[in-house]
Amino acid sequence: MRPPRRDFFESPKVAPTYTAVVDRDHKYVDVSESFCELVGYKMEELIGMPYDRLTAVDSADIPTTYRLFSKLGYMHGLWMLVHRTGYRILVRYEAWLRPDKNVQSNLELVQNIL
């Protein structure tokens, strides 16, 4: 039996989770610092910003997606965000409707697309 690789155990690479909360008006009401870094904005710039401003124009039908989400209360999939500088960021998301009727999403980076 071979011994385990030391470099694997000494330096695990864990992808950070990015969190964003959107209200019923589709505006950010809370975001994690890591989400701010991911999209290139300061927290105070993101709070109150409509979430579709960070969604790639041709990547999602936002009204349809939101209507479906409102009925189901939970969704997951892929979403294309846009960084402040314009490059696209593909994320995997899991989102659910909270008791306060805000939508919380946890995201993981899939790929930066320049």
PDB file of N, CA and C in Angstrom:
ATOM      1  N   MET A   1       0.833  -1.184   0.000  1.00  0.00           N
ATOM      2  CA  MET A   1       0.000   0.000   0.000  1.00  0.00           C
ATOM      3  C   MET A   1       0.881   1.252   0.000  1.00  0.00           C
ATOM      4  N   ARG A   2       0.548   2.215  -0.864  1.00  0.00           N
ATOM      5  CA  ARG A   2       1.327   3.447  -0.955  1.00  0.00           C
ATOM      6  C   ARG A   2       0.898   4.440   0.119  1.00  0.00           C
ATOM      7  N   PRO A   3       1.852   5.192   0.658  1.00  0.00           N
ATOM      8  CA  PRO A   3       1.472   6.223   1.636  1.00  0.00           C
ATOM      9  C   PRO A   3       0.726   7.359   0.926  1.00  0.00           C
ATOM     10  N   PRO A   4      -0.143   8.067   1.633  1.00  0.00           N
ATOM     11  CA  PRO A   4      -0.869   9.180   1.007  1.00  0.00           C
ATOM     12  C   PRO A   4       0.092  10.293   0.610  1.00  0.00           C
ATOM     13  N   ARG A   5      -0.280  11.022  -0.419  1.00  0.00           N
ATOM     14  CA  ARG A   5       0.551  12.153  -0.850  1.00  0.00           C
ATOM     15  C   ARG A   5       0.511  13.254   0.197  1.00  0.00           C
ATOM     16  N   ARG A   6       1.654  13.693   0.616  1.00  0.00           N
ATOM     17  CA  ARG A   6       1.734  14.714   1.663  1.00  0.00           C
ATOM     18  C   ARG A   6       1.213  16.067   1.182  1.00  0.00           C
ATOM     19  N   ASP A   7       1.501  16.422  -0.070  1.00  0.00           N
ATOM     20  CA  ASP A   7       1.082  17.746  -0.538  1.00  0.00           C
ATOM     21  C   ASP A   7      -0.442  17.891  -0.554  1.00  0.00           C
ATOM     22  N   PHE A   8      -1.170  16.810  -0.769  1.00  0.00           N
ATOM     23  CA  PHE A   8      -2.630  16.861  -0.764  1.00  0.00           C
ATOM     24  C   PHE A   8      -3.143  17.215   0.632  1.00  0.00           C
ATOM     25  N   PHE A   9      -2.583  16.609   1.637  1.00  0.00           N
ATOM     26  CA  PHE A   9      -3.057  16.831   2.996  1.00  0.00           C
ATOM     27  C   PHE A   9      -2.540  18.129   3.596  1.00  0.00           C
ATOM     28  N   GLU A  10      -1.408  18.604   3.132  1.00  0.00           N
ATOM     29  CA  GLU A  10      -0.833  19.807   3.708  1.00  0.00           C
ATOM     30  C   GLU A  10      -1.398  21.084   3.111  1.00  0.00           C
ATOM     31  N   SER A  11      -1.879  21.043   1.892  1.00  0.00           N
ATOM     32  CA  SER A  11      -2.391  22.268   1.282  1.00  0.00           C
ATOM     33  C   SER A  11      -3.697  21.999   0.530  1.00  0.00           C
ATOM     34  N   PRO A  12      -4.754  21.696   1.267  1.00  0.00           N
ATOM     35  CA  PRO A  12      -6.024  21.452   0.578  1.00  0.00           C
ATOM     36  C   PRO A  12      -6.519  22.731  -0.087  1.00  0.00           C
ATOM     37  N   LYS A  13      -7.112  22.584  -1.246  1.00  0.00           N
ATOM     38  CA  LYS A  13      -7.641  23.738  -1.969  1.00  0.00           C
ATOM     39  C   LYS A  13      -9.163  23.664  -1.901  1.00  0.00           C
ATOM     40  N   VAL A  14      -9.724  24.537  -1.105  1.00  0.00           N
ATOM     41  CA  VAL A  14     -11.165  24.575  -0.928  1.00  0.00           C
ATOM     42  C   VAL A  14     -11.680  25.859  -1.562  1.00  0.00           C
ATOM     43  N   ALA A  15     -12.620  25.724  -2.470  1.00  0.00           N
ATOM     44  CA  ALA A  15     -13.189  26.899  -3.126  1.00  0.00           C
ATOM     45  C   ALA A  15     -14.047  27.681  -2.140  1.00  0.00           C
ATOM     46  N   PRO A  16     -13.910  28.994  -2.108  1.00  0.00           N
ATOM     47  CA  PRO A  16     -14.743  29.788  -1.203  1.00  0.00           C
ATOM     48  C   PRO A  16     -16.188  29.800  -1.678  1.00  0.00           C
ATOM     49  N   THR A  17     -17.084  30.027  -0.747  1.00  0.00           N
ATOM     50  CA  THR A  17     -18.490  30.174  -1.081  1.00  0.00           C
ATOM     51  C   THR A  17     -18.815  31.656  -1.073  1.00  0.00           C
ATOM     52  N   TYR A  18     -19.565  32.071  -2.024  1.00  0.00           N
ATOM     53  CA  TYR A  18     -19.985  33.456  -2.144  1.00  0.00           C
ATOM     54  C   TYR A  18     -21.473  33.500  -1.804  1.00  0.00           C
ATOM     55  N   THR A  19     -21.879  34.469  -0.995  1.00  0.00           N
ATOM     56  CA  THR A  19     -23.264  34.550  -0.559  1.00  0.00           C
ATOM     57  C   THR A  19     -23.854  35.910  -0.906  1.00  0.00           C
ATOM     58  N   ALA A  20     -25.092  35.885  -1.404  1.00  0.00           N
ATOM     59  CA  ALA A  20     -25.812  37.116  -1.711  1.00  0.00           C
ATOM     60  C   ALA A  20     -27.273  36.933  -1.321  1.00  0.00           C
ATOM     61  N   VAL A  21     -27.870  37.993  -0.797  1.00  0.00           N
ATOM     62  CA  VAL A  21     -29.285  37.992  -0.440  1.00  0.00           C
ATOM     63  C   VAL A  21     -29.962  39.108  -1.222  1.00  0.00           C
ATOM     64  N   VAL A  22     -31.070  38.745  -1.880  1.00  0.00           N
ATOM     65  CA  VAL A  22     -31.814  39.676  -2.734  1.00  0.00           C
ATOM     66  C   VAL A  22     -33.224  39.815  -2.170  1.00  0.00           C
ATOM     67  N   ASP A  23     -33.754  41.050  -2.152  1.00  0.00           N
ATOM     68  CA  ASP A  23     -35.103  41.254  -1.629  1.00  0.00           C
ATOM     69  C   ASP A  23     -36.159  41.091  -2.720  1.00  0.00           C
ATOM     70  N   ARG A  24     -37.411  41.339  -2.366  1.00  0.00           N
ATOM     71  CA  ARG A  24     -38.518  41.168  -3.315  1.00  0.00           C
ATOM     72  C   ARG A  24     -38.463  42.147  -4.472  1.00  0.00           C
ATOM     73  N   ASP A  25     -37.722  43.232  -4.299  1.00  0.00           N
ATOM     74  CA  ASP A  25     -37.547  44.208  -5.378  1.00  0.00           C
ATOM     75  C   ASP A  25     -36.347  43.869  -6.246  1.00  0.00           C
ATOM     76  N   HIS A  26     -35.770  42.682  -6.028  1.00  0.00           N
ATOM     77  CA  HIS A  26     -34.640  42.158  -6.806  1.00  0.00           C
ATOM     78  C   HIS A  26     -33.365  42.970  -6.593  1.00  0.00           C
ATOM     79  N   LYS A  27     -33.206  43.513  -5.402  1.00  0.00           N
ATOM     80  CA  LYS A  27     -32.010  44.285  -5.066  1.00  0.00           C
ATOM     81  C   LYS A  27     -31.232  43.584  -3.970  1.00  0.00           C
ATOM     82  N   TYR A  28     -29.908  43.714  -4.046  1.00  0.00           N
ATOM     83  CA  TYR A  28     -29.050  43.115  -3.019  1.00  0.00           C
ATOM     84  C   TYR A  28     -29.283  43.815  -1.679  1.00  0.00           C
ATOM     85  N   VAL A  29     -29.508  43.014  -0.638  1.00  0.00           N
ATOM     86  CA  VAL A  29     -29.644  43.561   0.715  1.00  0.00           C
ATOM     87  C   VAL A  29     -28.521  43.077   1.628  1.00  0.00           C
ATOM     88  N   ASP A  30     -27.824  42.031   1.229  1.00  0.00           N
ATOM     89  CA  ASP A  30     -26.679  41.544   1.989  1.00  0.00           C
ATOM     90  C   ASP A  30     -25.792  40.728   1.053  1.00  0.00           C
ATOM     91  N   VAL A  31     -24.496  40.886   1.190  1.00  0.00           N
ATOM     92  CA  VAL A  31     -23.532  40.137   0.381  1.00  0.00           C
ATOM     93  C   VAL A  31     -22.309  39.842   1.230  1.00  0.00           C
ATOM     94  N   SER A  32     -21.650  38.730   0.942  1.00  0.00           N
ATOM     95  CA  SER A  32     -20.417  38.401   1.666  1.00  0.00           C
ATOM     96  C   SER A  32     -19.250  39.183   1.058  1.00  0.00           C
ATOM     97  N   GLU A  33     -18.214  39.342   1.858  1.00  0.00           N
ATOM     98  CA  GLU A  33     -17.000  40.015   1.352  1.00  0.00           C
ATOM     99  C   GLU A  33     -16.452  39.272   0.130  1.00  0.00           C
ATOM    100  N   SER A  34     -16.523  37.933   0.177  1.00  0.00           N
ATOM    101  CA  SER A  34     -16.001  37.159  -0.946  1.00  0.00           C
ATOM    102  C   SER A  34     -16.803  37.418  -2.227  1.00  0.00           C
ATOM    103  N   PHE A  35     -18.122  37.629  -2.104  1.00  0.00           N
ATOM    104  CA  PHE A  35     -18.941  37.957  -3.274  1.00  0.00           C
ATOM    105  C   PHE A  35     -18.524  39.316  -3.833  1.00  0.00           C
ATOM    106  N   CYS A  36     -18.277  40.268  -2.948  1.00  0.00           N
ATOM    107  CA  CYS A  36     -17.814  41.597  -3.382  1.00  0.00           C
ATOM    108  C   CYS A  36     -16.534  41.476  -4.195  1.00  0.00           C
ATOM    109  N   GLU A  37     -15.590  40.690  -3.696  1.00  0.00           N
ATOM    110  CA  GLU A  37     -14.326  40.494  -4.403  1.00  0.00           C
ATOM    111  C   GLU A  37     -14.547  39.789  -5.740  1.00  0.00           C
ATOM    112  N   LEU A  38     -15.465  38.824  -5.764  1.00  0.00           N
ATOM    113  CA  LEU A  38     -15.735  38.079  -6.989  1.00  0.00           C
ATOM    114  C   LEU A  38     -16.214  38.987  -8.112  1.00  0.00           C
ATOM    115  N   VAL A  39     -17.105  39.939  -7.787  1.00  0.00           N
ATOM    116  CA  VAL A  39     -17.691  40.784  -8.834  1.00  0.00           C
ATOM    117  C   VAL A  39     -17.031  42.155  -8.949  1.00  0.00           C
ATOM    118  N   GLY A  40     -16.073  42.451  -8.053  1.00  0.00           N
ATOM    119  CA  GLY A  40     -15.286  43.676  -8.179  1.00  0.00           C
ATOM    120  C   GLY A  40     -15.947  44.941  -7.660  1.00  0.00           C
ATOM    121  N   TYR A  41     -16.911  44.814  -6.751  1.00  0.00           N
ATOM    122  CA  TYR A  41     -17.575  45.978  -6.165  1.00  0.00           C
ATOM    123  C   TYR A  41     -17.369  45.986  -4.662  1.00  0.00           C
ATOM    124  N   LYS A  42     -17.488  47.169  -4.056  1.00  0.00           N
ATOM    125  CA  LYS A  42     -17.485  47.287  -2.597  1.00  0.00           C
ATOM    126  C   LYS A  42     -18.892  46.953  -2.106  1.00  0.00           C
ATOM    127  N   MET A  43     -18.971  46.505  -0.866  1.00  0.00           N
ATOM    128  CA  MET A  43     -20.258  46.128  -0.293  1.00  0.00           C
ATOM    129  C   MET A  43     -21.274  47.271  -0.378  1.00  0.00           C
ATOM    130  N   GLU A  44     -20.844  48.477  -0.056  1.00  0.00           N
ATOM    131  CA  GLU A  44     -21.776  49.618  -0.086  1.00  0.00           C
ATOM    132  C   GLU A  44     -22.262  49.935  -1.503  1.00  0.00           C
ATOM    133  N   GLU A  45     -21.514  49.552  -2.514  1.00  0.00           N
ATOM    134  CA  GLU A  45     -21.967  49.733  -3.898  1.00  0.00           C
ATOM    135  C   GLU A  45     -23.004  48.678  -4.276  1.00  0.00           C
ATOM    136  N   LEU A  46     -22.852  47.480  -3.739  1.00  0.00           N
ATOM    137  CA  LEU A  46     -23.769  46.384  -4.085  1.00  0.00           C
ATOM    138  C   LEU A  46     -25.114  46.473  -3.372  1.00  0.00           C
ATOM    139  N   ILE A  47     -25.104  46.917  -2.111  1.00  0.00           N
ATOM    140  CA  ILE A  47     -26.361  46.997  -1.358  1.00  0.00           C
ATOM    141  C   ILE A  47     -27.278  48.003  -2.054  1.00  0.00           C
ATOM    142  N   GLY A  48     -28.458  47.520  -2.441  1.00  0.00           N
ATOM    143  CA  GLY A  48     -29.428  48.353  -3.160  1.00  0.00           C
ATOM    144  C   GLY A  48     -29.349  48.239  -4.673  1.00  0.00           C
ATOM    145  N   MET A  49     -28.274  47.597  -5.182  1.00  0.00           N
ATOM    146  CA  MET A  49     -28.121  47.430  -6.632  1.00  0.00           C
ATOM    147  C   MET A  49     -29.055  46.311  -7.119  1.00  0.00           C
ATOM    148  N   PRO A  50     -29.771  46.530  -8.236  1.00  0.00           N
ATOM    149  CA  PRO A  50     -30.587  45.448  -8.806  1.00  0.00           C
ATOM    150  C   PRO A  50     -29.692  44.279  -9.222  1.00  0.00           C
ATOM    151  N   TYR A  51     -30.101  43.052  -8.874  1.00  0.00           N
ATOM    152  CA  TYR A  51     -29.234  41.909  -9.144  1.00  0.00           C
ATOM    153  C   TYR A  51     -29.059  41.635 -10.625  1.00  0.00           C
ATOM    154  N   ASP A  52     -30.002  42.070 -11.456  1.00  0.00           N
ATOM    155  CA  ASP A  52     -29.826  41.821 -12.887  1.00  0.00           C
ATOM    156  C   ASP A  52     -28.710  42.667 -13.491  1.00  0.00           C
ATOM    157  N   ARG A  53     -28.239  43.663 -12.768  1.00  0.00           N
ATOM    158  CA  ARG A  53     -27.104  44.458 -13.247  1.00  0.00           C
ATOM    159  C   ARG A  53     -25.820  43.632 -13.291  1.00  0.00           C
ATOM    160  N   LEU A  54     -25.756  42.576 -12.475  1.00  0.00           N
ATOM    161  CA  LEU A  54     -24.577  41.707 -12.454  1.00  0.00           C
ATOM    162  C   LEU A  54     -24.794  40.416 -13.243  1.00  0.00           C
ATOM    163  N   THR A  55     -25.927  40.310 -13.933  1.00  0.00           N
ATOM    164  CA  THR A  55     -26.231  39.112 -14.709  1.00  0.00           C
ATOM    165  C   THR A  55     -25.925  39.384 -16.177  1.00  0.00           C
ATOM    166  N   ALA A  56     -25.204  38.478 -16.812  1.00  0.00           N
ATOM    167  CA  ALA A  56     -24.887  38.636 -18.238  1.00  0.00           C
ATOM    168  C   ALA A  56     -26.196  38.739 -19.023  1.00  0.00           C
ATOM    169  N   VAL A  57     -26.288  39.719 -19.889  1.00  0.00           N
ATOM    170  CA  VAL A  57     -27.516  40.049 -20.610  1.00  0.00           C
ATOM    171  C   VAL A  57     -28.122  38.858 -21.340  1.00  0.00           C
ATOM    172  N   ASP A  58     -27.331  38.092 -22.009  1.00  0.00           N
ATOM    173  CA  ASP A  58     -27.864  36.996 -22.829  1.00  0.00           C
ATOM    174  C   ASP A  58     -27.833  35.641 -22.127  1.00  0.00           C
ATOM    175  N   SER A  59     -27.668  35.642 -20.800  1.00  0.00           N
ATOM    176  CA  SER A  59     -27.493  34.357 -20.120  1.00  0.00           C
ATOM    177  C   SER A  59     -28.725  33.860 -19.381  1.00  0.00           C
ATOM    178  N   ALA A  60     -29.708  34.713 -19.144  1.00  0.00           N
ATOM    179  CA  ALA A  60     -30.862  34.256 -18.365  1.00  0.00           C
ATOM    180  C   ALA A  60     -32.092  35.107 -18.674  1.00  0.00           C
ATOM    181  N   ASP A  61     -33.231  34.482 -18.615  1.00  0.00           N
ATOM    182  CA  ASP A  61     -34.510  35.175 -18.701  1.00  0.00           C
ATOM    183  C   ASP A  61     -34.925  35.446 -17.262  1.00  0.00           C
ATOM    184  N   ILE A  62     -34.525  36.584 -16.741  1.00  0.00           N
ATOM    185  CA  ILE A  62     -34.695  36.870 -15.322  1.00  0.00           C
ATOM    186  C   ILE A  62     -36.165  36.859 -14.885  1.00  0.00           C
ATOM    187  N   PRO A  63     -37.096  37.502 -15.587  1.00  0.00           N
ATOM    188  CA  PRO A  63     -38.493  37.459 -15.122  1.00  0.00           C
ATOM    189  C   PRO A  63     -39.047  36.035 -15.024  1.00  0.00           C
ATOM    190  N   THR A  64     -38.762  35.205 -16.016  1.00  0.00           N
ATOM    191  CA  THR A  64     -39.241  33.821 -15.988  1.00  0.00           C
ATOM    192  C   THR A  64     -38.588  33.050 -14.854  1.00  0.00           C
ATOM    193  N   THR A  65     -37.289  33.221 -14.703  1.00  0.00           N
ATOM    194  CA  THR A  65     -36.564  32.537 -13.632  1.00  0.00           C
ATOM    195  C   THR A  65     -37.123  32.932 -12.271  1.00  0.00           C
ATOM    196  N   TYR A  66     -37.366  34.211 -12.071  1.00  0.00           N
ATOM    197  CA  TYR A  66     -37.859  34.667 -10.774  1.00  0.00           C
ATOM    198  C   TYR A  66     -39.274  34.159 -10.504  1.00  0.00           C
ATOM    199  N   ARG A  67     -40.136  34.122 -11.529  1.00  0.00           N
ATOM    200  CA  ARG A  67     -41.489  33.584 -11.347  1.00  0.00           C
ATOM    201  C   ARG A  67     -41.436  32.115 -10.947  1.00  0.00           C
ATOM    202  N   LEU A  68     -40.582  31.341 -11.623  1.00  0.00           N
ATOM    203  CA  LEU A  68     -40.426  29.933 -11.268  1.00  0.00           C
ATOM    204  C   LEU A  68     -39.926  29.781  -9.838  1.00  0.00           C
ATOM    205  N   PHE A  69     -38.945  30.573  -9.504  1.00  0.00           N
ATOM    206  CA  PHE A  69     -38.378  30.505  -8.166  1.00  0.00           C
ATOM    207  C   PHE A  69     -39.437  30.822  -7.117  1.00  0.00           C
ATOM    208  N   SER A  70     -40.247  31.843  -7.366  1.00  0.00           N
ATOM    209  CA  SER A  70     -41.287  32.233  -6.414  1.00  0.00           C
ATOM    210  C   SER A  70     -42.266  31.095  -6.157  1.00  0.00           C
ATOM    211  N   LYS A  71     -42.547  30.303  -7.184  1.00  0.00           N
ATOM    212  CA  LYS A  71     -43.460  29.164  -7.023  1.00  0.00           C
ATOM    213  C   LYS A  71     -42.790  28.009  -6.286  1.00  0.00           C
ATOM    214  N   LEU A  72     -41.545  27.725  -6.639  1.00  0.00           N
ATOM    215  CA  LEU A  72     -40.850  26.562  -6.086  1.00  0.00           C
ATOM    216  C   LEU A  72     -40.211  26.820  -4.722  1.00  0.00           C
ATOM    217  N   GLY A  73     -39.733  28.028  -4.508  1.00  0.00           N
ATOM    218  CA  GLY A  73     -39.068  28.360  -3.254  1.00  0.00           C
ATOM    219  C   GLY A  73     -37.620  27.902  -3.171  1.00  0.00           C
ATOM    220  N   TYR A  74     -37.150  27.199  -4.200  1.00  0.00           N
ATOM    221  CA  TYR A  74     -35.778  26.692  -4.208  1.00  0.00           C
ATOM    222  C   TYR A  74     -35.361  26.474  -5.656  1.00  0.00           C
ATOM    223  N   MET A  75     -34.131  26.814  -5.966  1.00  0.00           N
ATOM    224  CA  MET A  75     -33.581  26.539  -7.294  1.00  0.00           C
ATOM    225  C   MET A  75     -32.084  26.330  -7.176  1.00  0.00           C
ATOM    226  N   HIS A  76     -31.528  25.661  -8.168  1.00  0.00           N
ATOM    227  CA  HIS A  76     -30.077  25.531  -8.263  1.00  0.00           C
ATOM    228  C   HIS A  76     -29.727  25.397  -9.742  1.00  0.00           C
ATOM    229  N   GLY A  77     -28.495  25.722 -10.049  1.00  0.00           N
ATOM    230  CA  GLY A  77     -28.065  25.630 -11.436  1.00  0.00           C
ATOM    231  C   GLY A  77     -26.829  26.465 -11.686  1.00  0.00           C
ATOM    232  N   LEU A  78     -26.676  26.900 -12.926  1.00  0.00           N
ATOM    233  CA  LEU A  78     -25.552  27.737 -13.330  1.00  0.00           C
ATOM    234  C   LEU A  78     -26.066  29.138 -13.644  1.00  0.00           C
ATOM    235  N   TRP A  79     -25.251  30.139 -13.349  1.00  0.00           N
ATOM    236  CA  TRP A  79     -25.624  31.526 -13.596  1.00  0.00           C
ATOM    237  C   TRP A  79     -24.390  32.253 -14.086  1.00  0.00           C
ATOM    238  N   MET A  80     -24.573  33.167 -15.012  1.00  0.00           N
ATOM    239  CA  MET A  80     -23.455  33.933 -15.552  1.00  0.00           C
ATOM    240  C   MET A  80     -23.494  35.348 -14.985  1.00  0.00           C
ATOM    241  N   LEU A  81     -22.529  35.665 -14.135  1.00  0.00           N
ATOM    242  CA  LEU A  81     -22.392  37.009 -13.576  1.00  0.00           C
ATOM    243  C   LEU A  81     -21.444  37.826 -14.444  1.00  0.00           C
ATOM    244  N   VAL A  82     -21.484  39.130 -14.247  1.00  0.00           N
ATOM    245  CA  VAL A  82     -20.562  40.024 -14.956  1.00  0.00           C
ATOM    246  C   VAL A  82     -19.772  40.816 -13.924  1.00  0.00           C
ATOM    247  N   HIS A  83     -18.446  40.722 -14.010  1.00  0.00           N
ATOM    248  CA  HIS A  83     -17.547  41.472 -13.138  1.00  0.00           C
ATOM    249  C   HIS A  83     -17.621  42.950 -13.502  1.00  0.00           C
ATOM    250  N   ARG A  84     -17.264  43.801 -12.582  1.00  0.00           N
ATOM    251  CA  ARG A  84     -17.257  45.248 -12.808  1.00  0.00           C
ATOM    252  C   ARG A  84     -16.492  45.629 -14.085  1.00  0.00           C
ATOM    253  N   THR A  85     -15.435  44.892 -14.393  1.00  0.00           N
ATOM    254  CA  THR A  85     -14.619  45.201 -15.568  1.00  0.00           C
ATOM    255  C   THR A  85     -15.192  44.624 -16.858  1.00  0.00           C
ATOM    256  N   GLY A  86     -16.281  43.836 -16.746  1.00  0.00           N
ATOM    257  CA  GLY A  86     -16.938  43.322 -17.941  1.00  0.00           C
ATOM    258  C   GLY A  86     -16.735  41.847 -18.235  1.00  0.00           C
ATOM    259  N   TYR A  87     -15.745  41.204 -17.611  1.00  0.00           N
ATOM    260  CA  TYR A  87     -15.584  39.787 -17.924  1.00  0.00           C
ATOM    261  C   TYR A  87     -16.657  38.970 -17.212  1.00  0.00           C
ATOM    262  N   ARG A  88     -16.952  37.827 -17.784  1.00  0.00           N
ATOM    263  CA  ARG A  88     -18.032  36.983 -17.281  1.00  0.00           C
ATOM    264  C   ARG A  88     -17.521  35.964 -16.278  1.00  0.00           C
ATOM    265  N   ILE A  89     -18.391  35.630 -15.333  1.00  0.00           N
ATOM    266  CA  ILE A  89     -18.052  34.699 -14.258  1.00  0.00           C
ATOM    267  C   ILE A  89     -19.155  33.650 -14.196  1.00  0.00           C
ATOM    268  N   LEU A  90     -18.811  32.418 -14.506  1.00  0.00           N
ATOM    269  CA  LEU A  90     -19.781  31.338 -14.429  1.00  0.00           C
ATOM    270  C   LEU A  90     -19.776  30.780 -13.008  1.00  0.00           C
ATOM    271  N   VAL A  91     -20.959  30.773 -12.364  1.00  0.00           N
ATOM    272  CA  VAL A  91     -21.076  30.257 -11.001  1.00  0.00           C
ATOM    273  C   VAL A  91     -22.153  29.180 -10.940  1.00  0.00           C
ATOM    274  N   ARG A  92     -21.979  28.302 -10.002  1.00  0.00           N
ATOM    275  CA  ARG A  92     -23.009  27.314  -9.653  1.00  0.00           C
ATOM    276  C   ARG A  92     -23.708  27.899  -8.441  1.00  0.00           C
ATOM    277  N   TYR A  93     -25.050  27.918  -8.461  1.00  0.00           N
ATOM    278  CA  TYR A  93     -25.760  28.512  -7.342  1.00  0.00           C
ATOM    279  C   TYR A  93     -26.799  27.565  -6.754  1.00  0.00           C
ATOM    280  N   GLU A  94     -27.106  27.811  -5.512  1.00  0.00           N
ATOM    281  CA  GLU A  94     -28.210  27.177  -4.806  1.00  0.00           C
ATOM    282  C   GLU A  94     -28.922  28.316  -4.095  1.00  0.00           C
ATOM    283  N   ALA A  95     -30.215  28.478  -4.363  1.00  0.00           N
ATOM    284  CA  ALA A  95     -30.951  29.607  -3.799  1.00  0.00           C
ATOM    285  C   ALA A  95     -32.270  29.128  -3.199  1.00  0.00           C
ATOM    286  N   TRP A  96     -32.671  29.775  -2.136  1.00  0.00           N
ATOM    287  CA  TRP A  96     -33.928  29.419  -1.490  1.00  0.00           C
ATOM    288  C   TRP A  96     -34.598  30.660  -0.944  1.00  0.00           C
ATOM    289  N   LEU A  97     -35.918  30.570  -0.780  1.00  0.00           N
ATOM    290  CA  LEU A  97     -36.725  31.647  -0.249  1.00  0.00           C
ATOM    291  C   LEU A  97     -36.683  31.558   1.275  1.00  0.00           C
ATOM    292  N   ARG A  98     -36.247  32.633   1.906  1.00  0.00           N
ATOM    293  CA  ARG A  98     -36.152  32.660   3.366  1.00  0.00           C
ATOM    294  C   ARG A  98     -37.497  33.065   3.969  1.00  0.00           C
ATOM    295  N   PRO A  99     -37.688  32.856   5.273  1.00  0.00           N
ATOM    296  CA  PRO A  99     -38.950  33.254   5.909  1.00  0.00           C
ATOM    297  C   PRO A  99     -39.267  34.740   5.752  1.00  0.00           C
ATOM    298  N   ASP A 100     -38.229  35.589   5.644  1.00  0.00           N
ATOM    299  CA  ASP A 100     -38.466  37.028   5.471  1.00  0.00           C
ATOM    300  C   ASP A 100     -38.772  37.396   4.014  1.00  0.00           C
ATOM    301  N   LYS A 101     -38.953  36.386   3.158  1.00  0.00           N
ATOM    302  CA  LYS A 101     -39.286  36.526   1.731  1.00  0.00           C
ATOM    303  C   LYS A 101     -38.123  37.014   0.880  1.00  0.00           C
ATOM    304  N   ASN A 102     -36.938  37.146   1.465  1.00  0.00           N
ATOM    305  CA  ASN A 102     -35.747  37.443   0.681  1.00  0.00           C
ATOM    306  C   ASN A 102     -35.192  36.137   0.134  1.00  0.00           C
ATOM    307  N   VAL A 103     -34.431  36.242  -0.938  1.00  0.00           N
ATOM    308  CA  VAL A 103     -33.830  35.074  -1.567  1.00  0.00           C
ATOM    309  C   VAL A 103     -32.353  35.038  -1.198  1.00  0.00           C
ATOM    310  N   GLN A 104     -31.919  33.930  -0.620  1.00  0.00           N
ATOM    311  CA  GLN A 104     -30.508  33.762  -0.304  1.00  0.00           C
ATOM    312  C   GLN A 104     -29.892  32.796  -1.287  1.00  0.00           C
ATOM    313  N   SER A 105     -28.727  33.167  -1.808  1.00  0.00           N
ATOM    314  CA  SER A 105     -28.002  32.319  -2.752  1.00  0.00           C
ATOM    315  C   SER A 105     -26.598  32.069  -2.242  1.00  0.00           C
ATOM    316  N   ASN A 106     -26.187  30.824  -2.315  1.00  0.00           N
ATOM    317  CA  ASN A 106     -24.795  30.457  -2.103  1.00  0.00           C
ATOM    318  C   ASN A 106     -24.250  30.072  -3.468  1.00  0.00           C
ATOM    319  N   LEU A 107     -23.090  30.604  -3.794  1.00  0.00           N
ATOM    320  CA  LEU A 107     -22.518  30.399  -5.113  1.00  0.00           C
ATOM    321  C   LEU A 107     -21.116  29.834  -5.006  1.00  0.00           C
ATOM    322  N   GLU A 108     -20.734  29.089  -6.017  1.00  0.00           N
ATOM    323  CA  GLU A 108     -19.368  28.577  -6.133  1.00  0.00           C
ATOM    324  C   GLU A 108     -18.863  28.942  -7.521  1.00  0.00           C
ATOM    325  N   LEU A 109     -17.625  29.349  -7.596  1.00  0.00           N
ATOM    326  CA  LEU A 109     -17.016  29.706  -8.870  1.00  0.00           C
ATOM    327  C   LEU A 109     -16.808  28.461  -9.721  1.00  0.00           C
ATOM    328  N   VAL A 110     -17.256  28.535 -10.968  1.00  0.00           N
ATOM    329  CA  VAL A 110     -16.993  27.475 -11.932  1.00  0.00           C
ATOM    330  C   VAL A 110     -15.868  27.910 -12.848  1.00  0.00           C
ATOM    331  N   GLN A 111     -15.989  29.142 -13.419  1.00  0.00           N
ATOM    332  CA  GLN A 111     -14.979  29.591 -14.362  1.00  0.00           C
ATOM    333  C   GLN A 111     -15.075  31.105 -14.589  1.00  0.00           C
ATOM    334  N   ASN A 112     -13.931  31.760 -14.670  1.00  0.00           N
ATOM    335  CA  ASN A 112     -13.865  33.142 -15.140  1.00  0.00           C
ATOM    336  C   ASN A 112     -13.690  33.099 -16.638  1.00  0.00           C
ATOM    337  N   ILE A 113     -14.475  33.876 -17.360  1.00  0.00           N
ATOM    338  CA  ILE A 113     -14.399  33.893 -18.813  1.00  0.00           C
ATOM    339  C   ILE A 113     -13.994  35.297 -19.243  1.00  0.00           C
ATOM    340  N   LEU A 114     -12.805  35.412 -19.764  1.00  0.00           N
ATOM    341  CA  LEU A 114     -12.294  36.730 -20.168  1.00  0.00           C
ATOM    342  C   LEU A 114     -12.848  37.176 -21.484  1.00  0.00           C
TER     343      LEU A 114
END
